[in-house]
């Protein structure tokens, strides 16, 4: 895991919500941004709050696990 203050990286990342996010309930959304060395995740309700950053390979493993494939 990579830990950085959101002010250090937040303004340079391009964030997007999952196509699976429920637009009728904005309280249940996360946003993801990719960078060269990491994938960043944040709570869309607290864009200036903490972020989780993981190596791209770790993110790929998580997505595979979460999708059940």
C-alpha atoms as a PDB file:
ATOM      1  CA  UNK A   1       0.000   0.000   0.000  1.00  0.00           C
ATOM      2  CA  UNK A   2       1.159   3.501  -0.775  1.00  0.00           C
ATOM      3  CA  UNK A   3       0.123   6.235   1.647  1.00  0.00           C
ATOM      4  CA  UNK A   4       0.081   9.860   0.509  1.00  0.00           C
ATOM      5  CA  UNK A   5      -1.806  12.910   1.587  1.00  0.00           C
ATOM      6  CA  UNK A   6      -4.617  13.617  -0.880  1.00  0.00           C
ATOM      7  CA  UNK A   7      -3.267  17.132  -1.448  1.00  0.00           C
ATOM      8  CA  UNK A   8      -0.070  15.608  -2.839  1.00  0.00           C
ATOM      9  CA  UNK A   9      -1.730  13.622  -5.617  1.00  0.00           C
ATOM     10  CA  UNK A  10      -5.445  14.401  -5.770  1.00  0.00           C
ATOM     11  CA  UNK A  11      -5.298  17.328  -8.145  1.00  0.00           C
ATOM     12  CA  UNK A  12      -3.194  15.509 -10.745  1.00  0.00           C
ATOM     13  CA  UNK A  13      -5.274  12.334 -10.934  1.00  0.00           C
ATOM     14  CA  UNK A  14      -8.272  11.778 -13.183  1.00  0.00           C
ATOM     15  CA  UNK A  15     -10.979  10.158 -11.056  1.00  0.00           C
ATOM     16  CA  UNK A  16     -13.928   8.086 -12.275  1.00  0.00           C
ATOM     17  CA  UNK A  17     -16.769   6.130 -10.727  1.00  0.00           C
ATOM     18  CA  UNK A  18     -17.497   2.524 -11.495  1.00  0.00           C
ATOM     19  CA  UNK A  19     -20.203   1.819 -14.036  1.00  0.00           C
ATOM     20  CA  UNK A  20     -21.698  -0.345 -11.277  1.00  0.00           C
ATOM     21  CA  UNK A  21     -22.150   2.642  -8.941  1.00  0.00           C
ATOM     22  CA  UNK A  22     -25.783   3.263  -8.134  1.00  0.00           C
ATOM     23  CA  UNK A  23     -26.517   6.794  -9.321  1.00  0.00           C
ATOM     24  CA  UNK A  24     -29.727   6.847  -7.265  1.00  0.00           C
ATOM     25  CA  UNK A  25     -27.719   6.461  -4.038  1.00  0.00           C
ATOM     26  CA  UNK A  26     -24.673   8.722  -4.047  1.00  0.00           C
ATOM     27  CA  UNK A  27     -23.716   7.486  -0.555  1.00  0.00           C
ATOM     28  CA  UNK A  28     -22.328   4.236  -1.938  1.00  0.00           C
ATOM     29  CA  UNK A  29     -19.742   5.327  -4.487  1.00  0.00           C
ATOM     30  CA  UNK A  30     -16.011   5.024  -4.665  1.00  0.00           C
ATOM     31  CA  UNK A  31     -13.830   6.657  -7.256  1.00  0.00           C
ATOM     32  CA  UNK A  32     -10.713   5.219  -8.847  1.00  0.00           C
ATOM     33  CA  UNK A  33      -7.771   6.885 -10.588  1.00  0.00           C
ATOM     34  CA  UNK A  34      -4.881   5.132 -12.280  1.00  0.00           C
ATOM     35  CA  UNK A  35      -1.307   6.334 -12.281  1.00  0.00           C
ATOM     36  CA  UNK A  36       1.921   4.801 -13.556  1.00  0.00           C
ATOM     37  CA  UNK A  37       2.797   3.004 -10.337  1.00  0.00           C
ATOM     38  CA  UNK A  38      -0.512   2.698  -8.519  1.00  0.00           C
ATOM     39  CA  UNK A  39      -4.277   2.649  -8.552  1.00  0.00           C
ATOM     40  CA  UNK A  40      -5.842   5.187  -6.190  1.00  0.00           C
ATOM     41  CA  UNK A  41      -9.228   4.730  -4.508  1.00  0.00           C
ATOM     42  CA  UNK A  42     -11.259   7.299  -2.571  1.00  0.00           C
ATOM     43  CA  UNK A  43     -14.739   7.848  -1.178  1.00  0.00           C
ATOM     44  CA  UNK A  44     -16.634  10.043  -3.625  1.00  0.00           C
ATOM     45  CA  UNK A  45     -18.390  11.835  -0.755  1.00  0.00           C
ATOM     46  CA  UNK A  46     -15.019  12.918   0.679  1.00  0.00           C
ATOM     47  CA  UNK A  47     -12.923  13.736  -2.373  1.00  0.00           C
ATOM     48  CA  UNK A  48     -10.456  15.723  -0.270  1.00  0.00           C
ATOM     49  CA  UNK A  49     -10.210  12.963   2.325  1.00  0.00           C
ATOM     50  CA  UNK A  50      -7.873   9.995   2.563  1.00  0.00           C
ATOM     51  CA  UNK A  51      -7.022   7.844  -0.427  1.00  0.00           C
ATOM     52  CA  UNK A  52      -5.895   4.271  -0.712  1.00  0.00           C
ATOM     53  CA  UNK A  53      -3.206   3.581  -3.293  1.00  0.00           C
ATOM     54  CA  UNK A  54      -2.130   0.066  -4.257  1.00  0.00           C
ATOM     55  CA  UNK A  55       0.244  -1.334  -6.842  1.00  0.00           C
ATOM     56  CA  UNK A  56      -1.395  -2.040 -10.202  1.00  0.00           C
ATOM     57  CA  UNK A  57      -0.828  -5.797  -9.890  1.00  0.00           C
ATOM     58  CA  UNK A  58      -2.459  -5.843  -6.465  1.00  0.00           C
ATOM     59  CA  UNK A  59      -5.467  -3.968  -7.865  1.00  0.00           C
ATOM     60  CA  UNK A  60      -5.751  -6.441 -10.750  1.00  0.00           C
ATOM     61  CA  UNK A  61      -5.718  -9.341  -8.258  1.00  0.00           C
ATOM     62  CA  UNK A  62      -8.403  -7.620  -6.152  1.00  0.00           C
ATOM     63  CA  UNK A  63     -10.671  -7.002  -9.154  1.00  0.00           C
ATOM     64  CA  UNK A  64     -10.315 -10.629 -10.243  1.00  0.00           C
ATOM     65  CA  UNK A  65     -11.149 -11.808  -6.718  1.00  0.00           C
ATOM     66  CA  UNK A  66     -14.078  -9.388  -6.303  1.00  0.00           C
ATOM     67  CA  UNK A  67     -15.589 -10.351  -9.646  1.00  0.00           C
ATOM     68  CA  UNK A  68     -15.557 -14.020  -8.680  1.00  0.00           C
ATOM     69  CA  UNK A  69     -13.522 -15.101 -11.729  1.00  0.00           C
END
